[in-house]
């Protein structure tokens, strides 16, 4: 069994401006409205095989990201 949450992933968040027409239409915004493009790739740690790949557009006015440092004692 593969537990996706235990596998290595890379997530990139970047501002998309202008927003691609298809994403703007679905989100109900103008193409000149900035969005956040989130690209995520999950790979099987043992082989490097890609298990999942996604590109998600998010409205910039409803997006917040939080970073928390690792406490190595826990």
PDB file of N, CA and C in Angstrom:
ATOM      1  N   UNK A   1       0.835  -1.192   0.000  1.00  0.00           N
ATOM      2  CA  UNK A   1       0.000   0.000   0.000  1.00  0.00           C
ATOM      3  C   UNK A   1       0.873   1.246   0.000  1.00  0.00           C
ATOM      4  N   UNK A   2       0.453   2.220  -0.749  1.00  0.00           N
ATOM      5  CA  UNK A   2       1.151   3.502  -0.798  1.00  0.00           C
ATOM      6  C   UNK A   2       0.359   4.514   0.020  1.00  0.00           C
ATOM      7  N   UNK A   3       1.035   5.178   0.931  1.00  0.00           N
ATOM      8  CA  UNK A   3       0.418   6.236   1.729  1.00  0.00           C
ATOM      9  C   UNK A   3       0.919   7.565   1.171  1.00  0.00           C
ATOM     10  N   UNK A   4       0.086   8.231   0.403  1.00  0.00           N
ATOM     11  CA  UNK A   4       0.487   9.443  -0.311  1.00  0.00           C
ATOM     12  C   UNK A   4       1.050  10.517   0.622  1.00  0.00           C
ATOM     13  N   UNK A   5       0.504  10.625   1.826  1.00  0.00           N
ATOM     14  CA  UNK A   5       0.978  11.655   2.752  1.00  0.00           C
ATOM     15  C   UNK A   5       2.390  11.392   3.253  1.00  0.00           C
ATOM     16  N   UNK A   6       2.854  10.161   3.119  1.00  0.00           N
ATOM     17  CA  UNK A   6       4.203   9.813   3.561  1.00  0.00           C
ATOM     18  C   UNK A   6       5.240   9.961   2.453  1.00  0.00           C
ATOM     19  N   UNK A   7       4.810  10.191   1.233  1.00  0.00           N
ATOM     20  CA  UNK A   7       5.729  10.266   0.099  1.00  0.00           C
ATOM     21  C   UNK A   7       6.236  11.693  -0.111  1.00  0.00           C
ATOM     22  N   UNK A   8       7.389  11.791  -0.756  1.00  0.00           N
ATOM     23  CA  UNK A   8       8.011  13.091  -1.022  1.00  0.00           C
ATOM     24  C   UNK A   8       7.153  13.889  -2.002  1.00  0.00           C
ATOM     25  N   UNK A   9       6.973  15.172  -1.712  1.00  0.00           N
ATOM     26  CA  UNK A   9       6.278  16.032  -2.664  1.00  0.00           C
ATOM     27  C   UNK A   9       6.986  17.374  -2.745  1.00  0.00           C
ATOM     28  N   UNK A  10       6.748  18.031  -3.847  1.00  0.00           N
ATOM     29  CA  UNK A  10       7.240  19.392  -4.040  1.00  0.00           C
ATOM     30  C   UNK A  10       6.050  20.230  -4.453  1.00  0.00           C
ATOM     31  N   UNK A  11       5.875  21.361  -3.790  1.00  0.00           N
ATOM     32  CA  UNK A  11       4.772  22.264  -4.106  1.00  0.00           C
ATOM     33  C   UNK A  11       5.343  23.645  -4.382  1.00  0.00           C
ATOM     34  N   UNK A  12       4.955  24.212  -5.499  1.00  0.00           N
ATOM     35  CA  UNK A  12       5.397  25.548  -5.882  1.00  0.00           C
ATOM     36  C   UNK A  12       4.160  26.432  -5.993  1.00  0.00           C
ATOM     37  N   UNK A  13       4.198  27.587  -5.346  1.00  0.00           N
ATOM     38  CA  UNK A  13       3.125  28.573  -5.425  1.00  0.00           C
ATOM     39  C   UNK A  13       3.694  29.834  -6.055  1.00  0.00           C
ATOM     40  N   UNK A  14       3.048  30.291  -7.126  1.00  0.00           N
ATOM     41  CA  UNK A  14       3.529  31.497  -7.797  1.00  0.00           C
ATOM     42  C   UNK A  14       2.347  32.309  -8.302  1.00  0.00           C
ATOM     43  N   UNK A  15       2.560  33.604  -8.416  1.00  0.00           N
ATOM     44  CA  UNK A  15       1.516  34.479  -8.935  1.00  0.00           C
ATOM     45  C   UNK A  15       1.411  34.288 -10.445  1.00  0.00           C
ATOM     46  N   UNK A  16       0.196  34.071 -10.908  1.00  0.00           N
ATOM     47  CA  UNK A  16      -0.075  33.951 -12.343  1.00  0.00           C
ATOM     48  C   UNK A  16      -0.743  35.249 -12.790  1.00  0.00           C
ATOM     49  N   UNK A  17      -0.059  35.985 -13.639  1.00  0.00           N
ATOM     50  CA  UNK A  17      -0.603  37.243 -14.142  1.00  0.00           C
ATOM     51  C   UNK A  17      -0.052  37.495 -15.524  1.00  0.00           C
ATOM     52  N   UNK A  18      -0.887  37.578 -16.521  1.00  0.00           N
ATOM     53  CA  UNK A  18      -2.337  37.462 -16.424  1.00  0.00           C
ATOM     54  C   UNK A  18      -2.758  36.015 -16.164  1.00  0.00           C
ATOM     55  N   UNK A  19      -3.974  35.868 -15.702  1.00  0.00           N
ATOM     56  CA  UNK A  19      -4.537  34.543 -15.457  1.00  0.00           C
ATOM     57  C   UNK A  19      -4.972  33.930 -16.787  1.00  0.00           C
ATOM     58  N   UNK A  20      -4.633  32.659 -17.026  1.00  0.00           N
ATOM     59  CA  UNK A  20      -5.075  32.009 -18.271  1.00  0.00           C
ATOM     60  C   UNK A  20      -6.602  32.064 -18.413  1.00  0.00           C
ATOM     61  N   UNK A  21      -7.062  32.192 -19.640  1.00  0.00           N
ATOM     62  CA  UNK A  21      -8.491  32.367 -19.926  1.00  0.00           C
ATOM     63  C   UNK A  21      -9.352  31.279 -19.292  1.00  0.00           C
ATOM     64  N   UNK A  22      -8.947  30.002 -19.410  1.00  0.00           N
ATOM     65  CA  UNK A  22      -9.775  28.912 -18.875  1.00  0.00           C
ATOM     66  C   UNK A  22      -9.899  29.000 -17.353  1.00  0.00           C
ATOM     67  N   UNK A  23      -8.831  29.365 -16.666  1.00  0.00           N
ATOM     68  CA  UNK A  23      -8.878  29.472 -15.204  1.00  0.00           C
ATOM     69  C   UNK A  23      -9.698  30.687 -14.784  1.00  0.00           C
ATOM     70  N   UNK A  24      -9.517  31.811 -15.469  1.00  0.00           N
ATOM     71  CA  UNK A  24     -10.274  33.020 -15.147  1.00  0.00           C
ATOM     72  C   UNK A  24     -11.773  32.783 -15.301  1.00  0.00           C
ATOM     73  N   UNK A  25     -12.156  32.077 -16.354  1.00  0.00           N
ATOM     74  CA  UNK A  25     -13.566  31.789 -16.603  1.00  0.00           C
ATOM     75  C   UNK A  25     -14.170  30.946 -15.479  1.00  0.00           C
ATOM     76  N   UNK A  26     -13.465  29.909 -15.077  1.00  0.00           N
ATOM     77  CA  UNK A  26     -13.965  29.024 -14.019  1.00  0.00           C
ATOM     78  C   UNK A  26     -14.034  29.747 -12.675  1.00  0.00           C
ATOM     79  N   UNK A  27     -13.029  30.582 -12.391  1.00  0.00           N
ATOM     80  CA  UNK A  27     -12.989  31.302 -11.114  1.00  0.00           C
ATOM     81  C   UNK A  27     -13.878  32.541 -11.101  1.00  0.00           C
ATOM     82  N   UNK A  28     -14.385  32.925 -12.266  1.00  0.00           N
ATOM     83  CA  UNK A  28     -15.266  34.089 -12.341  1.00  0.00           C
ATOM     84  C   UNK A  28     -14.530  35.410 -12.173  1.00  0.00           C
ATOM     85  N   UNK A  29     -13.294  35.469 -12.681  1.00  0.00           N
ATOM     86  CA  UNK A  29     -12.513  36.698 -12.601  1.00  0.00           C
ATOM     87  C   UNK A  29     -12.041  37.097 -13.998  1.00  0.00           C
ATOM     88  N   UNK A  30     -11.634  38.333 -14.131  1.00  0.00           N
ATOM     89  CA  UNK A  30     -11.056  38.829 -15.378  1.00  0.00           C
ATOM     90  C   UNK A  30      -9.644  38.263 -15.529  1.00  0.00           C
ATOM     91  N   UNK A  31      -9.193  38.113 -16.748  1.00  0.00           N
ATOM     92  CA  UNK A  31      -7.839  37.606 -16.991  1.00  0.00           C
ATOM     93  C   UNK A  31      -6.772  38.525 -16.406  1.00  0.00           C
ATOM     94  N   UNK A  32      -7.105  39.798 -16.183  1.00  0.00           N
ATOM     95  CA  UNK A  32      -6.152  40.740 -15.591  1.00  0.00           C
ATOM     96  C   UNK A  32      -6.156  40.691 -14.064  1.00  0.00           C
ATOM     97  N   UNK A  33      -6.955  39.796 -13.497  1.00  0.00           N
ATOM     98  CA  UNK A  33      -6.992  39.587 -12.051  1.00  0.00           C
ATOM     99  C   UNK A  33      -5.923  38.548 -11.702  1.00  0.00           C
ATOM    100  N   UNK A  34      -5.017  38.838 -10.764  1.00  0.00           N
ATOM    101  CA  UNK A  34      -3.969  37.867 -10.438  1.00  0.00           C
ATOM    102  C   UNK A  34      -4.523  36.652  -9.694  1.00  0.00           C
ATOM    103  N   UNK A  35      -3.958  35.510  -9.995  1.00  0.00           N
ATOM    104  CA  UNK A  35      -4.297  34.276  -9.287  1.00  0.00           C
ATOM    105  C   UNK A  35      -3.007  33.625  -8.806  1.00  0.00           C
ATOM    106  N   UNK A  36      -3.155  32.634  -7.949  1.00  0.00           N
ATOM    107  CA  UNK A  36      -2.014  31.859  -7.473  1.00  0.00           C
ATOM    108  C   UNK A  36      -2.043  30.522  -8.195  1.00  0.00           C
ATOM    109  N   UNK A  37      -0.958  30.210  -8.880  1.00  0.00           N
ATOM    110  CA  UNK A  37      -0.817  28.911  -9.529  1.00  0.00           C
ATOM    111  C   UNK A  37      -0.044  28.010  -8.578  1.00  0.00           C
ATOM    112  N   UNK A  38      -0.680  26.930  -8.167  1.00  0.00           N
ATOM    113  CA  UNK A  38      -0.058  25.957  -7.269  1.00  0.00           C
ATOM    114  C   UNK A  38       0.213  24.688  -8.072  1.00  0.00           C
ATOM    115  N   UNK A  39       1.486  24.317  -8.172  1.00  0.00           N
ATOM    116  CA  UNK A  39       1.893  23.106  -8.874  1.00  0.00           C
ATOM    117  C   UNK A  39       2.452  22.137  -7.845  1.00  0.00           C
ATOM    118  N   UNK A  40       1.922  20.915  -7.822  1.00  0.00           N
ATOM    119  CA  UNK A  40       2.357  19.931  -6.825  1.00  0.00           C
ATOM    120  C   UNK A  40       2.674  18.608  -7.509  1.00  0.00           C
ATOM    121  N   UNK A  41       3.845  18.066  -7.187  1.00  0.00           N
ATOM    122  CA  UNK A  41       4.273  16.774  -7.704  1.00  0.00           C
ATOM    123  C   UNK A  41       4.614  15.878  -6.520  1.00  0.00           C
ATOM    124  N   UNK A  42       4.012  14.694  -6.479  1.00  0.00           N
ATOM    125  CA  UNK A  42       4.299  13.713  -5.433  1.00  0.00           C
ATOM    126  C   UNK A  42       4.976  12.521  -6.080  1.00  0.00           C
ATOM    127  N   UNK A  43       6.108  12.099  -5.481  1.00  0.00           N
ATOM    128  CA  UNK A  43       6.883  10.994  -6.048  1.00  0.00           C
ATOM    129  C   UNK A  43       7.067   9.879  -5.031  1.00  0.00           C
ATOM    130  N   UNK A  44       7.135   8.653  -5.536  1.00  0.00           N
ATOM    131  CA  UNK A  44       7.423   7.490  -4.709  1.00  0.00           C
ATOM    132  C   UNK A  44       8.881   7.590  -4.276  1.00  0.00           C
ATOM    133  N   UNK A  45       9.108   7.617  -2.980  1.00  0.00           N
ATOM    134  CA  UNK A  45      10.457   7.838  -2.465  1.00  0.00           C
ATOM    135  C   UNK A  45      11.451   6.782  -2.936  1.00  0.00           C
ATOM    136  N   UNK A  46      11.029   5.537  -3.021  1.00  0.00           N
ATOM    137  CA  UNK A  46      11.953   4.444  -3.343  1.00  0.00           C
ATOM    138  C   UNK A  46      12.409   4.439  -4.800  1.00  0.00           C
ATOM    139  N   UNK A  47      11.574   4.936  -5.722  1.00  0.00           N
ATOM    140  CA  UNK A  47      11.918   4.864  -7.149  1.00  0.00           C
ATOM    141  C   UNK A  47      11.918   6.214  -7.860  1.00  0.00           C
ATOM    142  N   UNK A  48      11.311   7.221  -7.259  1.00  0.00           N
ATOM    143  CA  UNK A  48      11.187   8.517  -7.913  1.00  0.00           C
ATOM    144  C   UNK A  48      10.032   8.590  -8.891  1.00  0.00           C
ATOM    145  N   UNK A  49       9.241   7.521  -8.992  1.00  0.00           N
ATOM    146  CA  UNK A  49       8.088   7.500  -9.898  1.00  0.00           C
ATOM    147  C   UNK A  49       7.073   8.557  -9.465  1.00  0.00           C
ATOM    148  N   UNK A  50       6.566   9.317 -10.433  1.00  0.00           N
ATOM    149  CA  UNK A  50       5.556  10.331 -10.138  1.00  0.00           C
ATOM    150  C   UNK A  50       4.232   9.638  -9.845  1.00  0.00           C
ATOM    151  N   UNK A  51       3.692   9.910  -8.674  1.00  0.00           N
ATOM    152  CA  UNK A  51       2.413   9.330  -8.262  1.00  0.00           C
ATOM    153  C   UNK A  51       1.251  10.286  -8.524  1.00  0.00           C
ATOM    154  N   UNK A  52       1.519  11.578  -8.411  1.00  0.00           N
ATOM    155  CA  UNK A  52       0.462  12.571  -8.619  1.00  0.00           C
ATOM    156  C   UNK A  52       1.082  13.876  -9.084  1.00  0.00           C
ATOM    157  N   UNK A  53       0.369  14.558  -9.979  1.00  0.00           N
ATOM    158  CA  UNK A  53       0.786  15.871 -10.462  1.00  0.00           C
ATOM    159  C   UNK A  53      -0.467  16.716 -10.596  1.00  0.00           C
ATOM    160  N   UNK A  54      -0.432  17.925 -10.046  1.00  0.00           N
ATOM    161  CA  UNK A  54      -1.604  18.791 -10.178  1.00  0.00           C
ATOM    162  C   UNK A  54      -1.185  20.244 -10.354  1.00  0.00           C
ATOM    163  N   UNK A  55      -1.994  20.959 -11.111  1.00  0.00           N
ATOM    164  CA  UNK A  55      -1.868  22.403 -11.271  1.00  0.00           C
ATOM    165  C   UNK A  55      -3.204  22.996 -10.857  1.00  0.00           C
ATOM    166  N   UNK A  56      -3.178  23.880  -9.870  1.00  0.00           N
ATOM    167  CA  UNK A  56      -4.397  24.461  -9.338  1.00  0.00           C
ATOM    168  C   UNK A  56      -4.288  25.978  -9.358  1.00  0.00           C
ATOM    169  N   UNK A  57      -5.316  26.641  -9.858  1.00  0.00           N
ATOM    170  CA  UNK A  57      -5.369  28.100  -9.819  1.00  0.00           C
ATOM    171  C   UNK A  57      -6.281  28.507  -8.678  1.00  0.00           C
ATOM    172  N   UNK A  58      -5.826  29.470  -7.879  1.00  0.00           N
ATOM    173  CA  UNK A  58      -6.602  29.960  -6.742  1.00  0.00           C
ATOM    174  C   UNK A  58      -6.726  31.471  -6.848  1.00  0.00           C
ATOM    175  N   UNK A  59      -7.882  31.971  -6.469  1.00  0.00           N
ATOM    176  CA  UNK A  59      -8.083  33.422  -6.459  1.00  0.00           C
ATOM    177  C   UNK A  59      -7.117  34.043  -5.455  1.00  0.00           C
ATOM    178  N   UNK A  60      -6.416  35.069  -5.868  1.00  0.00           N
ATOM    179  CA  UNK A  60      -5.433  35.708  -4.989  1.00  0.00           C
ATOM    180  C   UNK A  60      -6.088  36.402  -3.796  1.00  0.00           C
ATOM    181  N   UNK A  61      -7.349  36.822  -3.948  1.00  0.00           N
ATOM    182  CA  UNK A  61      -8.007  37.518  -2.841  1.00  0.00           C
ATOM    183  C   UNK A  61      -8.535  36.563  -1.768  1.00  0.00           C
ATOM    184  N   UNK A  62      -8.459  35.259  -1.997  1.00  0.00           N
ATOM    185  CA  UNK A  62      -8.895  34.275  -1.003  1.00  0.00           C
ATOM    186  C   UNK A  62      -7.766  33.334  -0.613  1.00  0.00           C
ATOM    187  N   UNK A  63      -6.543  33.729  -0.855  1.00  0.00           N
ATOM    188  CA  UNK A  63      -5.415  32.827  -0.655  1.00  0.00           C
ATOM    189  C   UNK A  63      -4.516  33.340   0.457  1.00  0.00           C
ATOM    190  N   UNK A  64      -4.146  32.447   1.361  1.00  0.00           N
ATOM    191  CA  UNK A  64      -3.204  32.769   2.428  1.00  0.00           C
ATOM    192  C   UNK A  64      -2.298  31.561   2.609  1.00  0.00           C
ATOM    193  N   UNK A  65      -1.021  31.799   2.807  1.00  0.00           N
ATOM    194  CA  UNK A  65      -0.080  30.710   3.032  1.00  0.00           C
ATOM    195  C   UNK A  65       0.643  30.974   4.350  1.00  0.00           C
ATOM    196  N   UNK A  66       0.881  29.909   5.088  1.00  0.00           N
ATOM    197  CA  UNK A  66       1.513  30.024   6.400  1.00  0.00           C
ATOM    198  C   UNK A  66       2.694  29.065   6.453  1.00  0.00           C
ATOM    199  N   UNK A  67       3.829  29.542   6.934  1.00  0.00           N
ATOM    200  CA  UNK A  67       5.010  28.711   7.103  1.00  0.00           C
ATOM    201  C   UNK A  67       5.286  28.567   8.592  1.00  0.00           C
ATOM    202  N   UNK A  68       5.581  27.344   9.008  1.00  0.00           N
ATOM    203  CA  UNK A  68       5.910  27.069  10.404  1.00  0.00           C
ATOM    204  C   UNK A  68       7.226  26.311  10.421  1.00  0.00           C
ATOM    205  N   UNK A  69       8.155  26.760  11.252  1.00  0.00           N
ATOM    206  CA  UNK A  69       9.437  26.064  11.328  1.00  0.00           C
ATOM    207  C   UNK A  69       9.265  24.739  12.055  1.00  0.00           C
ATOM    208  N   UNK A  70      10.135  23.804  11.732  1.00  0.00           N
ATOM    209  CA  UNK A  70      10.112  22.485  12.358  1.00  0.00           C
ATOM    210  C   UNK A  70      10.747  22.548  13.734  1.00  0.00           C
ATOM    211  N   UNK A  71      10.114  21.976  14.700  1.00  0.00           N
ATOM    212  CA  UNK A  71      10.707  21.822  16.024  1.00  0.00           C
ATOM    213  C   UNK A  71      11.348  20.446  16.040  1.00  0.00           C
ATOM    214  N   UNK A  72      12.625  20.389  15.959  1.00  0.00           N
ATOM    215  CA  UNK A  72      13.342  19.120  15.828  1.00  0.00           C
ATOM    216  C   UNK A  72      13.290  18.260  17.087  1.00  0.00           C
ATOM    217  N   UNK A  73      12.809  18.813  18.190  1.00  0.00           N
ATOM    218  CA  UNK A  73      12.716  18.031  19.428  1.00  0.00           C
ATOM    219  C   UNK A  73      11.441  17.200  19.500  1.00  0.00           C
ATOM    220  N   UNK A  74      10.512  17.416  18.567  1.00  0.00           N
ATOM    221  CA  UNK A  74       9.227  16.686  18.628  1.00  0.00           C
ATOM    222  C   UNK A  74       9.107  15.721  17.504  1.00  0.00           C
TER     223      UNK A  74
END
